[in-house]
Amino acid sequence: MNERKRSSQSLYDLYNSLGLNINLFDNQENFSIFNLNQINFSFPFFSNDFQPDFFSFLIINDGDGAYTIDDQVYKIEPKTFYFTNPSSHRSFSWKEIRDVVLITFDEDFIKTYINQNVLFDFPFLISDKIRPQKVDEEFHNELNEISNLLIKEFNKKTSSTYPIIGHLLGVLLHKIKINFNFEFHLESDHSNLIVNEFKHLLETNFRDLTKDQQTRILKTQDYASLMNLHPTYLNQIIKSKTNKNITNWISNKIFLESKVLLKDKNLSIKEISYRLQFSETSHFSNFFKKNQGISPQKFRKEEL
């Protein structure tokens, strides 16, 4: 069996690499919504296995295919709702697409346009694995009503487009939380529970850090102590389930939080560097440029 290619990438990069239609994307805000019947698929279509850097909601109205999430294969059928997050490896195949809506966004987007505590308000967003869910007629119609409003607003491209999308996406998240009774069919094996707890502790640490309620970034040993696990064992579980070790998770979290903080014009870059535990502003600038490709100053100027 060939080794699966598991590279994290944006939806834009993925579709571009597959030679598919990329004219539907706004690559600056890292949010997209469109009907997959607008993509130039040649059927039958089979994607490579990939690990994206975004969350995705898939509303199946009418289509035929299969979706693989972390080696679990799910048949695509009408009135089914799929959710995946950046921890999930996935691939997809299509025999036919008639009406399938895809919504994607990243952590930076929802923290900017919904609120900083969005991952606490909707914990299913960072759960390790969630099964696709067959929905009833009423909720299926609600999903489509909200998605139609999102598409309409997305296509307007005005200065208020993304704040409005943030509110609509918040409504969608509340609807999901209510209709799936907070549980959202979470996988509950031991390894997944460890991953979920680690993610929540990581999120808590950075939430408190950015609010000056925490004095330092926790390390692998700290998380292991909080979870009553050996550091090596914890790191092995996180690595095996997410394809990233704890150090990678922490580094990625620093980068994501830095992008959110840089959008706050009341914070100086020096203060952001201090909050994120960099001893020198130059160290933070080098770190940010390595991950984003531009300096913090240029990023802030482009965003504000």
C-alpha atoms as a PDB file:
ATOM      1  CA  MET A   1       0.000   0.000   0.000  1.00  0.00           C
ATOM      2  CA  ASN A   2       1.314   3.447  -0.876  1.00  0.00           C
ATOM      3  CA  GLU A   3       2.022   5.788   1.994  1.00  0.00           C
ATOM      4  CA  ARG A   4      -0.602   8.467   2.222  1.00  0.00           C
ATOM      5  CA  LYS A   5       0.385  12.061   1.601  1.00  0.00           C
ATOM      6  CA  ARG A   6      -0.616  14.045   4.673  1.00  0.00           C
ATOM      7  CA  SER A   7       0.228  17.660   4.137  1.00  0.00           C
ATOM      8  CA  SER A   8      -1.656  20.509   5.786  1.00  0.00           C
ATOM      9  CA  GLN A   9      -2.916  23.002   3.262  1.00  0.00           C
ATOM     10  CA  SER A  10      -5.545  25.610   2.624  1.00  0.00           C
ATOM     11  CA  LEU A  11      -8.574  24.786   0.500  1.00  0.00           C
ATOM     12  CA  TYR A  12      -7.250  27.230  -2.112  1.00  0.00           C
ATOM     13  CA  ASP A  13      -3.924  25.365  -2.278  1.00  0.00           C
ATOM     14  CA  LEU A  14      -5.681  21.996  -2.393  1.00  0.00           C
ATOM     15  CA  TYR A  15      -8.012  22.911  -5.262  1.00  0.00           C
ATOM     16  CA  ASN A  16      -5.209  24.696  -7.101  1.00  0.00           C
ATOM     17  CA  SER A  17      -3.017  21.574  -6.881  1.00  0.00           C
ATOM     18  CA  LEU A  18      -5.898  19.449  -8.215  1.00  0.00           C
ATOM     19  CA  GLY A  19      -6.464  21.799 -11.143  1.00  0.00           C
ATOM     20  CA  LEU A  20      -9.960  22.748  -9.947  1.00  0.00           C
ATOM     21  CA  ASN A  21     -11.804  26.081 -10.076  1.00  0.00           C
ATOM     22  CA  ILE A  22     -10.191  28.591  -7.678  1.00  0.00           C
ATOM     23  CA  ASN A  23     -12.119  31.693  -8.759  1.00  0.00           C
ATOM     24  CA  LEU A  24     -14.585  31.221  -5.880  1.00  0.00           C
ATOM     25  CA  PHE A  25     -12.065  31.894  -3.124  1.00  0.00           C
ATOM     26  CA  ASP A  26     -11.199  34.979  -1.112  1.00  0.00           C
ATOM     27  CA  ASN A  27      -7.754  33.876  -0.016  1.00  0.00           C
ATOM     28  CA  GLN A  28      -7.164  36.894   2.233  1.00  0.00           C
ATOM     29  CA  GLU A  29      -9.811  36.213   4.876  1.00  0.00           C
ATOM     30  CA  ASN A  30      -9.605  32.384   4.784  1.00  0.00           C
ATOM     31  CA  PHE A  31     -13.364  31.952   4.530  1.00  0.00           C
ATOM     32  CA  SER A  32     -15.210  30.354   1.645  1.00  0.00           C
ATOM     33  CA  ILE A  33     -18.703  29.126   0.845  1.00  0.00           C
ATOM     34  CA  PHE A  34     -19.948  27.751  -2.438  1.00  0.00           C
ATOM     35  CA  ASN A  35     -21.866  24.877  -3.985  1.00  0.00           C
ATOM     36  CA  LEU A  36     -19.555  22.123  -5.178  1.00  0.00           C
ATOM     37  CA  ASN A  37     -21.526  21.922  -8.420  1.00  0.00           C
ATOM     38  CA  GLN A  38     -19.633  25.120  -9.328  1.00  0.00           C
ATOM     39  CA  ILE A  39     -16.310  23.237  -9.269  1.00  0.00           C
ATOM     40  CA  ASN A  40     -14.992  21.662 -12.459  1.00  0.00           C
ATOM     41  CA  PHE A  41     -14.930  18.055 -11.261  1.00  0.00           C
ATOM     42  CA  SER A  42     -14.537  15.258 -13.813  1.00  0.00           C
ATOM     43  CA  PHE A  43     -16.484  12.251 -12.580  1.00  0.00           C
ATOM     44  CA  PRO A  44     -15.694   9.908 -11.040  1.00  0.00           C
ATOM     45  CA  PHE A  45     -13.341  12.085  -8.980  1.00  0.00           C
ATOM     46  CA  PHE A  46     -10.897  10.872  -6.312  1.00  0.00           C
ATOM     47  CA  SER A  47      -8.810  13.222  -4.150  1.00  0.00           C
ATOM     48  CA  ASN A  48      -5.517  12.475  -2.465  1.00  0.00           C
ATOM     49  CA  ASP A  49      -5.449  12.140   1.307  1.00  0.00           C
ATOM     50  CA  PHE A  50      -4.695  15.502   2.941  1.00  0.00           C
ATOM     51  CA  GLN A  51      -4.685  17.277   6.294  1.00  0.00           C
ATOM     52  CA  PRO A  52      -6.072  20.795   5.870  1.00  0.00           C
ATOM     53  CA  ASP A  53      -5.547  23.885   8.003  1.00  0.00           C
ATOM     54  CA  PHE A  54      -9.242  24.806   8.118  1.00  0.00           C
ATOM     55  CA  PHE A  55     -12.598  23.803   9.580  1.00  0.00           C
ATOM     56  CA  SER A  56     -15.255  22.641   7.142  1.00  0.00           C
ATOM     57  CA  PHE A  57     -19.012  22.152   7.124  1.00  0.00           C
ATOM     58  CA  LEU A  58     -20.522  20.107   4.306  1.00  0.00           C
ATOM     59  CA  ILE A  59     -24.283  20.214   3.718  1.00  0.00           C
ATOM     60  CA  ILE A  60     -25.320  17.343   1.470  1.00  0.00           C
ATOM     61  CA  ASN A  61     -28.553  18.131  -0.360  1.00  0.00           C
ATOM     62  CA  ASP A  62     -28.072  15.841  -3.351  1.00  0.00           C
ATOM     63  CA  GLY A  63     -24.939  13.977  -4.381  1.00  0.00           C
ATOM     64  CA  ASP A  64     -23.269  10.583  -4.578  1.00  0.00           C
ATOM     65  CA  GLY A  65     -19.831   9.750  -3.275  1.00  0.00           C
ATOM     66  CA  ALA A  66     -17.798   8.977  -0.175  1.00  0.00           C
ATOM     67  CA  TYR A  67     -15.889  10.961   2.438  1.00  0.00           C
ATOM     68  CA  THR A  68     -13.000   9.503   4.426  1.00  0.00           C
ATOM     69  CA  ILE A  69     -12.114  11.035   7.799  1.00  0.00           C
ATOM     70  CA  ASP A  70      -9.121   9.481   9.589  1.00  0.00           C
ATOM     71  CA  ASP A  71      -9.556   6.118   7.791  1.00  0.00           C
ATOM     72  CA  GLN A  72     -13.304   5.989   8.500  1.00  0.00           C
ATOM     73  CA  VAL A  73     -15.254   5.908   5.233  1.00  0.00           C
ATOM     74  CA  TYR A  74     -18.723   7.477   5.172  1.00  0.00           C
ATOM     75  CA  LYS A  75     -21.125   7.243   2.261  1.00  0.00           C
ATOM     76  CA  ILE A  76     -22.384  10.605   1.087  1.00  0.00           C
ATOM     77  CA  GLU A  77     -26.160  10.767   1.077  1.00  0.00           C
ATOM     78  CA  PRO A  78     -28.817  13.523   1.008  1.00  0.00           C
ATOM     79  CA  LYS A  79     -29.693  15.385   4.222  1.00  0.00           C
ATOM     80  CA  THR A  80     -26.350  14.625   5.840  1.00  0.00           C
ATOM     81  CA  PHE A  81     -24.169  17.154   7.667  1.00  0.00           C
ATOM     82  CA  TYR A  82     -20.396  16.715   7.812  1.00  0.00           C
ATOM     83  CA  PHE A  83     -17.956  18.552  10.050  1.00  0.00           C
ATOM     84  CA  THR A  84     -14.164  18.264  10.104  1.00  0.00           C
ATOM     85  CA  ASN A  85     -11.448  20.318  11.782  1.00  0.00           C
ATOM     86  CA  PRO A  86      -7.719  20.832  11.193  1.00  0.00           C
ATOM     87  CA  SER A  87      -6.878  17.687  13.186  1.00  0.00           C
ATOM     88  CA  SER A  88      -8.612  15.386  10.727  1.00  0.00           C
ATOM     89  CA  HIS A  89      -7.014  13.662   7.764  1.00  0.00           C
ATOM     90  CA  ARG A  90      -9.448  13.303   4.934  1.00  0.00           C
ATOM     91  CA  SER A  91     -10.087  12.422   1.319  1.00  0.00           C
ATOM     92  CA  PHE A  92     -13.181  12.462  -0.820  1.00  0.00           C
ATOM     93  CA  SER A  93     -14.562  10.855  -3.930  1.00  0.00           C
ATOM     94  CA  TRP A  94     -17.510  11.860  -6.086  1.00  0.00           C
ATOM     95  CA  LYS A  95     -19.641   9.967  -8.573  1.00  0.00           C
ATOM     96  CA  GLU A  96     -21.997  12.896  -8.989  1.00  0.00           C
ATOM     97  CA  ILE A  97     -22.601  16.324  -7.412  1.00  0.00           C
ATOM     98  CA  ARG A  98     -25.978  17.959  -7.795  1.00  0.00           C
ATOM     99  CA  ASP A  99     -26.353  20.144  -4.688  1.00  0.00           C
ATOM    100  CA  VAL A 100     -23.637  20.123  -2.003  1.00  0.00           C
ATOM    101  CA  VAL A 101     -22.695  23.246  -0.018  1.00  0.00           C
ATOM    102  CA  LEU A 102     -19.183  23.579   1.429  1.00  0.00           C
ATOM    103  CA  ILE A 103     -18.313  26.158   4.119  1.00  0.00           C
ATOM    104  CA  THR A 104     -14.703  26.561   5.252  1.00  0.00           C
ATOM    105  CA  PHE A 105     -12.999  28.910   7.716  1.00  0.00           C
ATOM    106  CA  ASP A 106      -9.950  28.967   9.945  1.00  0.00           C
ATOM    107  CA  GLU A 107      -9.428  29.746  13.633  1.00  0.00           C
ATOM    108  CA  ASP A 108      -8.249  33.269  12.932  1.00  0.00           C
ATOM    109  CA  PHE A 109     -11.479  34.050  11.059  1.00  0.00           C
ATOM    110  CA  ILE A 110     -13.894  32.892  13.765  1.00  0.00           C
ATOM    111  CA  LYS A 111     -11.906  34.555  16.554  1.00  0.00           C
ATOM    112  CA  THR A 112     -11.887  37.813  14.610  1.00  0.00           C
ATOM    113  CA  TYR A 113     -15.517  37.855  13.452  1.00  0.00           C
ATOM    114  CA  ILE A 114     -17.341  35.863  16.161  1.00  0.00           C
ATOM    115  CA  ASN A 115     -15.386  36.219  19.415  1.00  0.00           C
ATOM    116  CA  GLN A 116     -12.130  35.299  21.118  1.00  0.00           C
ATOM    117  CA  ASN A 117     -13.811  32.569  23.189  1.00  0.00           C
ATOM    118  CA  VAL A 118     -15.522  30.854  20.262  1.00  0.00           C
ATOM    119  CA  LEU A 119     -13.711  27.546  20.827  1.00  0.00           C
ATOM    120  CA  PHE A 120     -14.985  27.487  24.418  1.00  0.00           C
ATOM    121  CA  ASP A 121     -18.500  28.442  23.389  1.00  0.00           C
ATOM    122  CA  PHE A 122     -18.550  25.666  20.779  1.00  0.00           C
ATOM    123  CA  PRO A 123     -16.172  22.953  22.041  1.00  0.00           C
ATOM    124  CA  PHE A 124     -17.140  20.519  19.299  1.00  0.00           C
ATOM    125  CA  LEU A 125     -14.972  22.644  16.987  1.00  0.00           C
ATOM    126  CA  ILE A 126     -11.819  21.223  18.570  1.00  0.00           C
ATOM    127  CA  SER A 127     -13.039  17.715  19.301  1.00  0.00           C
ATOM    128  CA  ASP A 128     -10.764  15.124  17.798  1.00  0.00           C
ATOM    129  CA  LYS A 129     -13.268  13.235  15.682  1.00  0.00           C
ATOM    130  CA  ILE A 130     -16.929  13.762  14.865  1.00  0.00           C
ATOM    131  CA  ARG A 131     -19.128  11.471  12.827  1.00  0.00           C
ATOM    132  CA  PRO A 132     -21.286  12.790   9.977  1.00  0.00           C
ATOM    133  CA  GLN A 133     -24.877  13.243  11.068  1.00  0.00           C
ATOM    134  CA  LYS A 134     -28.120  12.531   9.253  1.00  0.00           C
ATOM    135  CA  VAL A 135     -30.461  15.463   9.986  1.00  0.00           C
ATOM    136  CA  ASP A 136     -34.233  15.787  10.004  1.00  0.00           C
ATOM    137  CA  GLU A 137     -36.194  17.800   7.461  1.00  0.00           C
ATOM    138  CA  GLU A 138     -36.634  20.849   9.714  1.00  0.00           C
ATOM    139  CA  PHE A 139     -32.963  21.217  10.603  1.00  0.00           C
ATOM    140  CA  HIS A 140     -31.916  20.443   7.045  1.00  0.00           C
ATOM    141  CA  ASN A 141     -34.047  23.364   5.875  1.00  0.00           C
ATOM    142  CA  GLU A 142     -32.534  25.623   8.556  1.00  0.00           C
ATOM    143  CA  LEU A 143     -29.025  24.691   7.419  1.00  0.00           C
ATOM    144  CA  ASN A 144     -29.895  25.648   3.867  1.00  0.00           C
ATOM    145  CA  GLU A 145     -31.578  28.903   4.901  1.00  0.00           C
ATOM    146  CA  ILE A 146     -28.443  30.010   6.766  1.00  0.00           C
ATOM    147  CA  SER A 147     -26.096  28.817   4.018  1.00  0.00           C
ATOM    148  CA  ASN A 148     -28.118  30.739   1.407  1.00  0.00           C
ATOM    149  CA  LEU A 149     -27.782  33.914   3.479  1.00  0.00           C
ATOM    150  CA  LEU A 150     -24.035  33.269   3.827  1.00  0.00           C
ATOM    151  CA  ILE A 151     -23.634  32.784   0.067  1.00  0.00           C
ATOM    152  CA  LYS A 152     -25.632  35.931  -0.677  1.00  0.00           C
ATOM    153  CA  GLU A 153     -23.518  38.002   1.711  1.00  0.00           C
ATOM    154  CA  PHE A 154     -20.243  36.430   0.569  1.00  0.00           C
ATOM    155  CA  ASN A 155     -20.981  37.408  -3.028  1.00  0.00           C
ATOM    156  CA  LYS A 156     -21.671  41.057  -2.128  1.00  0.00           C
ATOM    157  CA  LYS A 157     -18.032  41.802  -1.271  1.00  0.00           C
ATOM    158  CA  THR A 158     -18.752  44.995   0.693  1.00  0.00           C
ATOM    159  CA  SER A 159     -16.940  46.441   3.704  1.00  0.00           C
ATOM    160  CA  SER A 160     -19.526  44.870   6.000  1.00  0.00           C
ATOM    161  CA  THR A 161     -19.484  41.438   4.339  1.00  0.00           C
ATOM    162  CA  TYR A 162     -17.289  39.627   6.849  1.00  0.00           C
ATOM    163  CA  PRO A 163     -18.742  41.088  10.050  1.00  0.00           C
ATOM    164  CA  ILE A 164     -22.180  39.990   8.790  1.00  0.00           C
ATOM    165  CA  ILE A 165     -20.820  36.570   7.829  1.00  0.00           C
ATOM    166  CA  GLY A 166     -19.384  36.301  11.337  1.00  0.00           C
ATOM    167  CA  HIS A 167     -22.836  36.853  12.845  1.00  0.00           C
ATOM    168  CA  LEU A 168     -24.463  34.371  10.459  1.00  0.00           C
ATOM    169  CA  LEU A 169     -21.764  31.795  11.147  1.00  0.00           C
ATOM    170  CA  GLY A 170     -22.346  32.316  14.873  1.00  0.00           C
ATOM    171  CA  VAL A 171     -26.049  31.558  14.340  1.00  0.00           C
ATOM    172  CA  LEU A 172     -25.096  28.399  12.454  1.00  0.00           C
ATOM    173  CA  LEU A 173     -22.803  27.269  15.281  1.00  0.00           C
ATOM    174  CA  HIS A 174     -25.562  27.846  17.852  1.00  0.00           C
ATOM    175  CA  LYS A 175     -28.011  25.856  15.723  1.00  0.00           C
ATOM    176  CA  ILE A 176     -25.555  22.964  15.487  1.00  0.00           C
ATOM    177  CA  LYS A 177     -24.902  23.047  19.218  1.00  0.00           C
ATOM    178  CA  ILE A 178     -28.622  22.979  20.018  1.00  0.00           C
ATOM    179  CA  ASN A 179     -29.662  20.371  17.470  1.00  0.00           C
ATOM    180  CA  PHE A 180     -26.928  17.917  18.390  1.00  0.00           C
ATOM    181  CA  ASN A 181     -27.476  18.238  22.156  1.00  0.00           C
ATOM    182  CA  PHE A 182     -23.945  19.500  22.805  1.00  0.00           C
ATOM    183  CA  GLU A 183     -22.480  16.065  22.157  1.00  0.00           C
ATOM    184  CA  PHE A 184     -22.430  16.063  18.364  1.00  0.00           C
ATOM    185  CA  HIS A 185     -21.683  12.337  18.303  1.00  0.00           C
ATOM    186  CA  LEU A 186     -18.152  12.659  19.596  1.00  0.00           C
ATOM    187  CA  GLU A 187     -15.867   9.658  19.315  1.00  0.00           C
ATOM    188  CA  SER A 188     -15.019   8.540  22.841  1.00  0.00           C
ATOM    189  CA  ASP A 189     -12.092   6.104  22.695  1.00  0.00           C
ATOM    190  CA  HIS A 190      -9.299   6.737  25.160  1.00  0.00           C
ATOM    191  CA  SER A 191      -6.822   8.322  22.725  1.00  0.00           C
ATOM    192  CA  ASN A 192      -9.423  10.736  21.361  1.00  0.00           C
ATOM    193  CA  LEU A 193     -10.370  11.806  24.883  1.00  0.00           C
ATOM    194  CA  ILE A 194      -6.698  12.563  25.609  1.00  0.00           C
ATOM    195  CA  VAL A 195      -6.445  14.667  22.437  1.00  0.00           C
ATOM    196  CA  ASN A 196      -9.633  16.553  23.286  1.00  0.00           C
ATOM    197  CA  GLU A 197      -8.444  17.325  26.814  1.00  0.00           C
ATOM    198  CA  PHE A 198      -5.059  18.502  25.537  1.00  0.00           C
ATOM    199  CA  LYS A 199      -6.701  20.838  23.006  1.00  0.00           C
ATOM    200  CA  HIS A 200      -8.925  22.377  25.654  1.00  0.00           C
ATOM    201  CA  LEU A 201      -5.963  22.894  28.009  1.00  0.00           C
ATOM    202  CA  LEU A 202      -3.970  24.444  25.161  1.00  0.00           C
ATOM    203  CA  GLU A 203      -6.825  26.797  24.313  1.00  0.00           C
ATOM    204  CA  THR A 204      -7.252  27.745  27.982  1.00  0.00           C
ATOM    205  CA  ASN A 205      -3.561  28.519  28.379  1.00  0.00           C
ATOM    206  CA  PHE A 206      -3.501  30.876  25.395  1.00  0.00           C
ATOM    207  CA  ARG A 207      -6.818  32.500  26.252  1.00  0.00           C
ATOM    208  CA  ASP A 208      -5.488  33.348  29.716  1.00  0.00           C
ATOM    209  CA  LEU A 209      -2.110  34.366  28.298  1.00  0.00           C
ATOM    210  CA  THR A 210      -3.557  36.886  25.849  1.00  0.00           C
ATOM    211  CA  LYS A 211      -5.695  38.338  28.642  1.00  0.00           C
ATOM    212  CA  ASP A 212      -2.675  38.657  30.973  1.00  0.00           C
ATOM    213  CA  GLN A 213      -4.211  36.042  33.286  1.00  0.00           C
ATOM    214  CA  GLN A 214      -1.392  33.576  32.669  1.00  0.00           C
ATOM    215  CA  THR A 215       2.306  34.322  32.969  1.00  0.00           C
ATOM    216  CA  ARG A 216       3.804  31.679  30.678  1.00  0.00           C
ATOM    217  CA  ILE A 217       3.208  29.272  27.823  1.00  0.00           C
ATOM    218  CA  LEU A 218       2.816  25.729  29.077  1.00  0.00           C
ATOM    219  CA  LYS A 219       5.195  23.055  27.810  1.00  0.00           C
ATOM    220  CA  THR A 220       4.841  19.312  27.246  1.00  0.00           C
ATOM    221  CA  GLN A 221       5.745  18.501  30.865  1.00  0.00           C
ATOM    222  CA  ASP A 222       3.088  20.941  32.124  1.00  0.00           C
ATOM    223  CA  TYR A 223       0.344  19.349  30.047  1.00  0.00           C
ATOM    224  CA  ALA A 224       1.448  15.867  31.092  1.00  0.00           C
ATOM    225  CA  SER A 225       1.299  16.878  34.766  1.00  0.00           C
ATOM    226  CA  LEU A 226      -2.162  18.416  34.373  1.00  0.00           C
ATOM    227  CA  MET A 227      -3.404  15.254  32.676  1.00  0.00           C
ATOM    228  CA  ASN A 228      -1.574  12.812  34.993  1.00  0.00           C
ATOM    229  CA  LEU A 229       0.256  11.239  32.077  1.00  0.00           C
ATOM    230  CA  HIS A 230       3.906  10.589  31.281  1.00  0.00           C
ATOM    231  CA  PRO A 231       5.208  13.289  28.897  1.00  0.00           C
ATOM    232  CA  THR A 232       6.508  10.751  26.368  1.00  0.00           C
ATOM    233  CA  TYR A 233       3.210   8.867  26.325  1.00  0.00           C
ATOM    234  CA  LEU A 234       1.185  12.069  25.949  1.00  0.00           C
ATOM    235  CA  ASN A 235       3.371  13.263  23.093  1.00  0.00           C
ATOM    236  CA  GLN A 236       3.086   9.891  21.355  1.00  0.00           C
ATOM    237  CA  ILE A 237      -0.722   9.982  21.555  1.00  0.00           C
ATOM    238  CA  ILE A 238      -0.928  13.551  20.240  1.00  0.00           C
ATOM    239  CA  LYS A 239       1.520  12.777  17.430  1.00  0.00           C
ATOM    240  CA  SER A 240      -0.224   9.556  16.381  1.00  0.00           C
ATOM    241  CA  LYS A 241      -3.711  11.101  16.374  1.00  0.00           C
ATOM    242  CA  THR A 242      -2.956  14.523  14.860  1.00  0.00           C
ATOM    243  CA  ASN A 243       0.329  14.041  12.974  1.00  0.00           C
ATOM    244  CA  LYS A 244       1.834  16.900  15.031  1.00  0.00           C
ATOM    245  CA  ASN A 245       3.730  16.686  18.317  1.00  0.00           C
ATOM    246  CA  ILE A 246       2.982  18.975  21.250  1.00  0.00           C
ATOM    247  CA  THR A 247       5.790  21.383  20.371  1.00  0.00           C
ATOM    248  CA  ASN A 248       4.286  21.799  16.889  1.00  0.00           C
ATOM    249  CA  TRP A 249       0.835  22.413  18.391  1.00  0.00           C
ATOM    250  CA  ILE A 250       2.228  25.085  20.720  1.00  0.00           C
ATOM    251  CA  SER A 251       4.189  26.787  17.937  1.00  0.00           C
ATOM    252  CA  ASN A 252       1.166  26.809  15.647  1.00  0.00           C
ATOM    253  CA  LYS A 253      -0.979  28.210  18.447  1.00  0.00           C
ATOM    254  CA  ILE A 254       1.510  31.032  19.061  1.00  0.00           C
ATOM    255  CA  PHE A 255       1.332  31.896  15.369  1.00  0.00           C
ATOM    256  CA  LEU A 256      -2.489  31.840  15.239  1.00  0.00           C
ATOM    257  CA  GLU A 257      -2.795  33.973  18.367  1.00  0.00           C
ATOM    258  CA  SER A 258      -0.234  36.438  17.051  1.00  0.00           C
ATOM    259  CA  LYS A 259      -2.372  37.024  13.947  1.00  0.00           C
ATOM    260  CA  VAL A 260      -5.415  37.743  16.106  1.00  0.00           C
ATOM    261  CA  LEU A 261      -3.483  40.094  18.411  1.00  0.00           C
ATOM    262  CA  LEU A 262      -1.949  41.979  15.495  1.00  0.00           C
ATOM    263  CA  LYS A 263      -5.448  42.974  14.403  1.00  0.00           C
ATOM    264  CA  ASP A 264      -5.888  44.837  17.691  1.00  0.00           C
ATOM    265  CA  LYS A 265      -4.496  48.299  16.912  1.00  0.00           C
ATOM    266  CA  ASN A 266      -4.356  49.127  20.622  1.00  0.00           C
ATOM    267  CA  LEU A 267      -1.566  46.595  21.163  1.00  0.00           C
ATOM    268  CA  SER A 268       1.975  47.438  20.141  1.00  0.00           C
ATOM    269  CA  ILE A 269       4.089  44.763  18.489  1.00  0.00           C
ATOM    270  CA  LYS A 270       6.395  44.931  21.483  1.00  0.00           C
ATOM    271  CA  GLU A 271       3.483  44.179  23.815  1.00  0.00           C
ATOM    272  CA  ILE A 272       2.343  41.292  21.614  1.00  0.00           C
ATOM    273  CA  SER A 273       5.871  39.885  21.667  1.00  0.00           C
ATOM    274  CA  TYR A 274       5.872  40.072  25.454  1.00  0.00           C
ATOM    275  CA  ARG A 275       2.476  38.389  25.799  1.00  0.00           C
ATOM    276  CA  LEU A 276       3.588  35.548  23.576  1.00  0.00           C
ATOM    277  CA  GLN A 277       6.751  35.028  25.627  1.00  0.00           C
ATOM    278  CA  PHE A 278       9.353  36.307  23.168  1.00  0.00           C
ATOM    279  CA  SER A 279      12.364  37.823  24.892  1.00  0.00           C
ATOM    280  CA  GLU A 280      12.977  40.250  22.023  1.00  0.00           C
ATOM    281  CA  THR A 281      10.647  41.845  19.493  1.00  0.00           C
ATOM    282  CA  SER A 282      13.096  40.827  16.767  1.00  0.00           C
ATOM    283  CA  HIS A 283      12.670  37.162  17.747  1.00  0.00           C
ATOM    284  CA  PHE A 284       8.912  37.493  17.388  1.00  0.00           C
ATOM    285  CA  SER A 285       9.299  39.262  14.028  1.00  0.00           C
ATOM    286  CA  ASN A 286      11.532  36.468  12.718  1.00  0.00           C
ATOM    287  CA  PHE A 287       9.118  33.806  13.976  1.00  0.00           C
ATOM    288  CA  PHE A 288       6.118  35.517  12.390  1.00  0.00           C
ATOM    289  CA  LYS A 289       7.834  36.127   9.061  1.00  0.00           C
ATOM    290  CA  LYS A 290       8.940  32.498   8.915  1.00  0.00           C
ATOM    291  CA  ASN A 291       5.315  31.361   9.263  1.00  0.00           C
ATOM    292  CA  GLN A 292       3.455  34.106   7.376  1.00  0.00           C
ATOM    293  CA  GLY A 293       6.027  35.162   4.794  1.00  0.00           C
ATOM    294  CA  ILE A 294       5.780  38.838   5.754  1.00  0.00           C
ATOM    295  CA  SER A 295       6.708  40.899   8.818  1.00  0.00           C
ATOM    296  CA  PRO A 296       4.227  41.582  11.647  1.00  0.00           C
ATOM    297  CA  GLN A 297       4.271  45.260  10.674  1.00  0.00           C
ATOM    298  CA  LYS A 298       3.309  44.531   7.074  1.00  0.00           C
ATOM    299  CA  PHE A 299       0.649  42.034   8.145  1.00  0.00           C
ATOM    300  CA  ARG A 300      -0.901  44.605  10.488  1.00  0.00           C
ATOM    301  CA  LYS A 301      -0.851  47.283   7.797  1.00  0.00           C
ATOM    302  CA  GLU A 302      -2.596  44.976   5.305  1.00  0.00           C
ATOM    303  CA  GLU A 303      -5.227  43.866   7.832  1.00  0.00           C
ATOM    304  CA  LEU A 304      -5.985  47.289   9.305  1.00  0.00           C
END
